C-alpha atoms as a PDB file:
ATOM      1  CA  MET A   1      -0.001   0.000   0.003  1.00  0.00           C
ATOM      2  CA  ALA A   2       1.459   3.402  -1.018  1.00  0.00           C
ATOM      3  CA  LYS A   3       2.023   5.947   1.693  1.00  0.00           C
ATOM      4  CA  HIS A   4       0.163   9.219   1.210  1.00  0.00           C
ATOM      5  CA  ARG A   5       2.462  12.183   1.694  1.00  0.00           C
ATOM      6  CA  THR A   6       1.174  15.101   3.704  1.00  0.00           C
ATOM      7  CA  GLU A   7       2.462  18.651   3.778  1.00  0.00           C
ATOM      8  CA  THR A   8       4.041  17.829   7.121  1.00  0.00           C
ATOM      9  CA  ASP A   9       5.924  14.892   5.571  1.00  0.00           C
ATOM     10  CA  GLU A  10       7.088  17.042   2.685  1.00  0.00           C
ATOM     11  CA  THR A  11       8.258  19.912   4.830  1.00  0.00           C
ATOM     12  CA  ARG A  12      10.167  17.637   7.165  1.00  0.00           C
ATOM     13  CA  ASN A  13      12.207  16.574   4.191  1.00  0.00           C
ATOM     14  CA  ILE A  14      14.844  19.253   3.676  1.00  0.00           C
ATOM     15  CA  GLY A  15      14.303  20.751   0.272  1.00  0.00           C
ATOM     16  CA  GLY A  16      10.738  19.456   0.177  1.00  0.00           C
ATOM     17  CA  SER A  17       8.075  21.269  -1.803  1.00  0.00           C
ATOM     18  CA  PRO A  18       5.032  22.140   0.299  1.00  0.00           C
ATOM     19  CA  ARG A  19       1.811  23.071  -1.391  1.00  0.00           C
ATOM     20  CA  ASP A  20       1.565  26.526  -2.807  1.00  0.00           C
ATOM     21  CA  LEU A  21       0.932  29.008  -0.016  1.00  0.00           C
ATOM     22  CA  LEU A  22      -2.002  30.582  -1.793  1.00  0.00           C
ATOM     23  CA  GLY A  23      -3.901  27.340  -1.408  1.00  0.00           C
ATOM     24  CA  ASN A  24      -4.448  26.412  -5.041  1.00  0.00           C
ATOM     25  CA  GLY A  25      -3.064  22.896  -4.526  1.00  0.00           C
ATOM     26  CA  GLU A  26      -0.164  23.256  -6.954  1.00  0.00           C
ATOM     27  CA  LYS A  27       3.287  22.226  -5.895  1.00  0.00           C
ATOM     28  CA  SER A  28       5.751  25.021  -5.248  1.00  0.00           C
ATOM     29  CA  ALA A  29       9.059  25.054  -7.116  1.00  0.00           C
ATOM     30  CA  ARG A  30      10.765  26.585  -4.072  1.00  0.00           C
ATOM     31  CA  LYS A  31      13.277  24.602  -2.084  1.00  0.00           C
ATOM     32  CA  TYR A  32      13.237  25.128   1.652  1.00  0.00           C
ATOM     33  CA  SER A  33      16.005  24.605   4.144  1.00  0.00           C
ATOM     34  CA  GLY A  34      13.625  22.757   6.419  1.00  0.00           C
ATOM     35  CA  ILE A  35      10.403  23.160   8.302  1.00  0.00           C
ATOM     36  CA  ARG A  36      11.327  26.543   9.786  1.00  0.00           C
ATOM     37  CA  GLY A  37      11.860  28.103   6.352  1.00  0.00           C
ATOM     38  CA  TRP A  38       8.526  26.855   5.124  1.00  0.00           C
ATOM     39  CA  GLN A  39       6.713  27.824   8.327  1.00  0.00           C
ATOM     40  CA  ALA A  40       8.126  31.355   8.190  1.00  0.00           C
ATOM     41  CA  GLU A  41       7.004  31.837   4.599  1.00  0.00           C
ATOM     42  CA  HIS A  42       3.628  30.283   5.392  1.00  0.00           C
ATOM     43  CA  SER A  43       3.236  32.642   8.364  1.00  0.00           C
ATOM     44  CA  ILE A  44       4.047  35.688   6.232  1.00  0.00           C
ATOM     45  CA  SER A  45       1.513  34.573   3.650  1.00  0.00           C
ATOM     46  CA  ARG A  46      -1.114  33.994   6.354  1.00  0.00           C
ATOM     47  CA  LEU A  47      -0.347  37.422   7.842  1.00  0.00           C
ATOM     48  CA  PHE A  48      -0.894  39.095   4.454  1.00  0.00           C
ATOM     49  CA  ARG A  49      -4.105  37.159   3.792  1.00  0.00           C
ATOM     50  CA  THR A  50      -5.442  37.953   7.273  1.00  0.00           C
ATOM     51  CA  SER A  51      -4.593  41.624   6.852  1.00  0.00           C
ATOM     52  CA  ILE A  52      -6.416  41.765   3.520  1.00  0.00           C
ATOM     53  CA  ARG A  53      -9.485  39.992   4.917  1.00  0.00           C
ATOM     54  CA  LEU A  54      -9.581  42.281   7.953  1.00  0.00           C
ATOM     55  CA  GLN A  55      -9.223  45.399   5.761  1.00  0.00           C
ATOM     56  CA  THR A  56     -12.063  44.167   3.548  1.00  0.00           C
ATOM     57  CA  ALA A  57     -14.294  43.453   6.562  1.00  0.00           C
ATOM     58  CA  LEU A  58     -13.518  46.864   8.077  1.00  0.00           C
ATOM     59  CA  ASP A  59     -14.201  48.701   4.831  1.00  0.00           C
ATOM     60  CA  ARG A  60     -17.564  46.947   4.521  1.00  0.00           C
ATOM     61  CA  CYS A  61     -18.436  47.931   8.091  1.00  0.00           C
ATOM     62  CA  PHE A  62     -17.743  51.607   7.411  1.00  0.00           C
ATOM     63  CA  SER A  63     -19.312  51.785   3.948  1.00  0.00           C
ATOM     64  CA  GLU A  64     -22.683  52.669   5.515  1.00  0.00           C
ATOM     65  CA  PHE A  65     -21.021  55.871   6.760  1.00  0.00           C
ATOM     66  CA  GLY A  66     -19.746  56.633   3.251  1.00  0.00           C
ATOM     67  CA  MET A  67     -16.083  56.030   4.065  1.00  0.00           C
ATOM     68  CA  THR A  68     -13.372  53.406   4.304  1.00  0.00           C
ATOM     69  CA  ALA A  69     -11.926  52.145   7.583  1.00  0.00           C
ATOM     70  CA  GLN A  70      -8.783  54.219   7.029  1.00  0.00           C
ATOM     71  CA  GLU A  71     -10.876  57.338   6.480  1.00  0.00           C
ATOM     72  CA  ALA A  72     -12.823  56.515   9.645  1.00  0.00           C
ATOM     73  CA  GLY A  73      -9.492  56.309  11.487  1.00  0.00           C
ATOM     74  CA  VAL A  74      -8.487  59.721  10.127  1.00  0.00           C
ATOM     75  CA  LEU A  75     -11.822  61.221  11.189  1.00  0.00           C
ATOM     76  CA  LEU A  76     -11.526  59.769  14.701  1.00  0.00           C
ATOM     77  CA  TYR A  77      -7.989  61.107  15.064  1.00  0.00           C
ATOM     78  CA  CYS A  78      -9.157  64.555  13.950  1.00  0.00           C
ATOM     79  CA  ALA A  79     -12.147  64.438  16.325  1.00  0.00           C
ATOM     80  CA  ASP A  80      -9.855  63.572  19.257  1.00  0.00           C
ATOM     81  CA  ALA A  81      -7.177  66.114  18.300  1.00  0.00           C
ATOM     82  CA  GLY A  82      -9.547  69.052  17.819  1.00  0.00           C
ATOM     83  CA  GLU A  83      -7.350  70.398  15.045  1.00  0.00           C
ATOM     84  CA  THR A  84      -4.353  68.945  13.249  1.00  0.00           C
ATOM     85  CA  SER A  85      -2.232  69.174  10.111  1.00  0.00           C
ATOM     86  CA  ALA A  86      -1.606  66.706   7.295  1.00  0.00           C
ATOM     87  CA  GLY A  87       1.924  66.161   8.615  1.00  0.00           C
ATOM     88  CA  GLN A  88       0.685  65.352  12.125  1.00  0.00           C
ATOM     89  CA  LEU A  89      -1.937  63.013  10.669  1.00  0.00           C
ATOM     90  CA  ALA A  90       0.655  61.256   8.489  1.00  0.00           C
ATOM     91  CA  THR A  91       2.878  60.654  11.512  1.00  0.00           C
ATOM     92  CA  ALA A  92       0.036  59.541  13.794  1.00  0.00           C
ATOM     93  CA  ILE A  93      -1.557  57.180  11.290  1.00  0.00           C
ATOM     94  CA  ALA A  94       1.705  56.026   9.641  1.00  0.00           C
ATOM     95  CA  ARG A  95       0.692  56.969   6.093  1.00  0.00           C
ATOM     96  CA  ASP A  96       2.400  59.247   3.612  1.00  0.00           C
ATOM     97  CA  LYS A  97       1.162  62.817   3.220  1.00  0.00           C
ATOM     98  CA  ALA A  98      -0.235  62.165  -0.266  1.00  0.00           C
ATOM     99  CA  LYS A  99      -2.471  59.389   1.075  1.00  0.00           C
ATOM    100  CA  ILE A 100      -3.549  61.573   4.013  1.00  0.00           C
ATOM    101  CA  THR A 101      -4.409  64.381   1.591  1.00  0.00           C
ATOM    102  CA  ARG A 102      -6.658  62.019  -0.390  1.00  0.00           C
ATOM    103  CA  PHE A 103      -8.382  60.841   2.807  1.00  0.00           C
ATOM    104  CA  VAL A 104      -8.894  64.428   3.997  1.00  0.00           C
ATOM    105  CA  ASP A 105     -10.142  65.563   0.566  1.00  0.00           C
ATOM    106  CA  ARG A 106     -12.748  62.800   0.525  1.00  0.00           C
ATOM    107  CA  LEU A 107     -13.847  63.428   4.120  1.00  0.00           C
ATOM    108  CA  LYS A 108     -14.038  67.162   3.393  1.00  0.00           C
ATOM    109  CA  ALA A 109     -16.114  66.552   0.243  1.00  0.00           C
ATOM    110  CA  ASN A 110     -18.565  64.509   2.356  1.00  0.00           C
ATOM    111  CA  GLY A 111     -18.812  67.201   5.029  1.00  0.00           C
ATOM    112  CA  PHE A 112     -16.919  65.392   7.833  1.00  0.00           C
ATOM    113  CA  LEU A 113     -13.815  67.619   7.900  1.00  0.00           C
ATOM    114  CA  SER A 114     -12.899  71.205   7.096  1.00  0.00           C
ATOM    115  CA  ARG A 115      -9.563  72.603   6.004  1.00  0.00           C
ATOM    116  CA  GLU A 116      -8.449  76.187   6.455  1.00  0.00           C
ATOM    117  CA  SER A 117      -5.208  78.049   5.952  1.00  0.00           C
ATOM    118  CA  ASN A 118      -2.911  78.273   8.962  1.00  0.00           C
ATOM    119  CA  PRO A 119      -2.733  81.988   9.928  1.00  0.00           C
ATOM    120  CA  ARG A 120       0.899  81.618  11.098  1.00  0.00           C
ATOM    121  CA  ASP A 121       2.086  79.777   7.986  1.00  0.00           C
ATOM    122  CA  HIS A 122      -0.080  79.976   4.863  1.00  0.00           C
ATOM    123  CA  ARG A 123       1.743  76.992   3.317  1.00  0.00           C
ATOM    124  CA  LEU A 124       0.092  74.765   5.927  1.00  0.00           C
ATOM    125  CA  SER A 125      -3.535  73.872   6.491  1.00  0.00           C
ATOM    126  CA  ILE A 126      -5.442  73.286   9.693  1.00  0.00           C
ATOM    127  CA  ILE A 127      -7.762  70.288   9.543  1.00  0.00           C
ATOM    128  CA  LYS A 128     -10.799  70.253  11.834  1.00  0.00           C
ATOM    129  CA  THR A 129     -13.804  68.011  12.351  1.00  0.00           C
ATOM    130  CA  THR A 130     -17.136  69.531  11.321  1.00  0.00           C
ATOM    131  CA  ASN A 131     -20.346  69.206  13.323  1.00  0.00           C
ATOM    132  CA  ARG A 132     -21.321  66.304  11.058  1.00  0.00           C
ATOM    133  CA  GLY A 133     -17.952  64.647  11.733  1.00  0.00           C
ATOM    134  CA  ARG A 134     -18.315  65.104  15.491  1.00  0.00           C
ATOM    135  CA  ARG A 135     -21.818  63.584  15.387  1.00  0.00           C
ATOM    136  CA  VAL A 136     -20.687  60.457  13.520  1.00  0.00           C
ATOM    137  CA  ALA A 137     -17.397  59.952  15.459  1.00  0.00           C
ATOM    138  CA  PRO A 138     -18.962  58.071  18.440  1.00  0.00           C
ATOM    139  CA  HIS A 139     -20.670  55.676  16.001  1.00  0.00           C
ATOM    140  CA  LEU A 140     -17.351  55.047  14.230  1.00  0.00           C
ATOM    141  CA  LYS A 141     -15.605  54.380  17.523  1.00  0.00           C
ATOM    142  CA  ALA A 142     -18.334  51.918  18.543  1.00  0.00           C
ATOM    143  CA  ARG A 143     -18.067  50.165  15.165  1.00  0.00           C
ATOM    144  CA  PHE A 144     -14.286  49.776  15.551  1.00  0.00           C
ATOM    145  CA  GLU A 145     -14.867  48.238  18.986  1.00  0.00           C
ATOM    146  CA  GLU A 146     -17.456  45.791  17.587  1.00  0.00           C
ATOM    147  CA  VAL A 147     -15.119  44.651  14.834  1.00  0.00           C
ATOM    148  CA  ARG A 148     -12.192  44.368  17.230  1.00  0.00           C
ATOM    149  CA  ALA A 149     -14.240  42.169  19.569  1.00  0.00           C
ATOM    150  CA  GLN A 150     -15.347  39.949  16.676  1.00  0.00           C
ATOM    151  CA  PHE A 151     -11.828  39.709  15.267  1.00  0.00           C
ATOM    152  CA  PHE A 152     -10.346  38.514  18.567  1.00  0.00           C
ATOM    153  CA  GLU A 153     -13.315  36.294  19.492  1.00  0.00           C
ATOM    154  CA  GLY A 154     -12.069  32.970  20.848  1.00  0.00           C
ATOM    155  CA  VAL A 155      -8.504  34.245  21.322  1.00  0.00           C
ATOM    156  CA  LEU A 156      -7.165  34.246  24.880  1.00  0.00           C
ATOM    157  CA  ASN A 157      -5.720  37.458  26.330  1.00  0.00           C
ATOM    158  CA  ILE A 158      -2.350  35.781  26.838  1.00  0.00           C
ATOM    159  CA  ASP A 159      -2.293  34.872  23.128  1.00  0.00           C
ATOM    160  CA  ILE A 160      -3.146  38.451  22.166  1.00  0.00           C
ATOM    161  CA  ASP A 161      -0.218  39.594  24.345  1.00  0.00           C
ATOM    162  CA  ARG A 162       2.082  37.083  22.617  1.00  0.00           C
ATOM    163  CA  LEU A 163       0.820  38.186  19.223  1.00  0.00           C
ATOM    164  CA  GLU A 164       1.576  41.809  20.084  1.00  0.00           C
ATOM    165  CA  THR A 165       5.121  40.886  21.124  1.00  0.00           C
ATOM    166  CA  VAL A 166       5.701  38.930  17.912  1.00  0.00           C
ATOM    167  CA  LEU A 167       4.186  41.682  15.749  1.00  0.00           C
ATOM    168  CA  GLN A 168       6.383  44.308  17.412  1.00  0.00           C
ATOM    169  CA  GLN A 169       9.483  42.267  16.578  1.00  0.00           C
ATOM    170  CA  LEU A 170       8.314  41.606  13.023  1.00  0.00           C
ATOM    171  CA  HIS A 171       7.595  45.303  12.550  1.00  0.00           C
ATOM    172  CA  ALA A 172      11.060  46.228  13.829  1.00  0.00           C
ATOM    173  CA  ASN A 173      12.601  43.658  11.469  1.00  0.00           C
ATOM    174  CA  ALA A 174      10.591  45.024   8.526  1.00  0.00           C
ATOM    175  CA  GLU A 175      11.659  48.591   9.377  1.00  0.00           C
ATOM    176  CA  ARG A 176      15.280  47.471   9.451  1.00  0.00           C
ATOM    177  CA  LEU A 177      14.889  45.732   6.075  1.00  0.00           C
ATOM    178  CA  CYS A 178      13.371  48.893   4.574  1.00  0.00           C
ATOM    179  CA  GLU A 179      16.230  51.009   5.907  1.00  0.00           C
ATOM    180  CA  GLU A 180      18.833  48.555   4.568  1.00  0.00           C
ATOM    181  CA  LYS A 181      17.159  48.541   1.136  1.00  0.00           C
ATOM    182  CA  HIS A 182      16.999  52.352   1.163  1.00  0.00           C
ATOM    183  CA  ARG A 183      20.706  52.635   2.070  1.00  0.00           C
ATOM    184  CA  LYS A 184      21.612  50.130  -0.632  1.00  0.00           C
ATOM    185  CA  VAL A 185      19.684  52.108  -3.274  1.00  0.00           C
ATOM    186  CA  GLU A 186      21.357  55.351  -2.138  1.00  0.00           C
ATOM    187  CA  ARG A 187      24.823  53.784  -2.530  1.00  0.00           C
ATOM    188  CA  GLU A 188      24.103  52.662  -6.100  1.00  0.00           C
END
């Protein structure tokens, strides 16, 4: 009787070819240096897929308010700050200024934010939440809390703490990789 090979059997074999990480059942042409190499790549793939699914779910939750989840985050930051600038928003939300400008433009067009010239420096704008934005902000905050509770349903607090520790390290590693790539490009 022939033995059926499982992904676990294949990945135990150094240089084995686990199934494609996107789940289409095709064999990967990659060669791995063992189970840890495959698990790391599998984890990165799962992290990306989870991030995409969460972003999609969040955007659907906020569509009834006429905005994306990222725009809702911008509006909540503005509501808490009272007034802010595009630069402060970009730093706080970890997005580039061009992306922030698009978010603010859309929220302004829908009546959630206002933008006025800074009297001390006319090159800068002051971004403020409108009355409409202040009225919807508590609903957005409640929606974020609902989604957060659903996302972590069935996950123990200790596991959430571990996840946070791992994500912090992965983020630091990714930052370092970006800096190394940037330095390498500058040298060329």
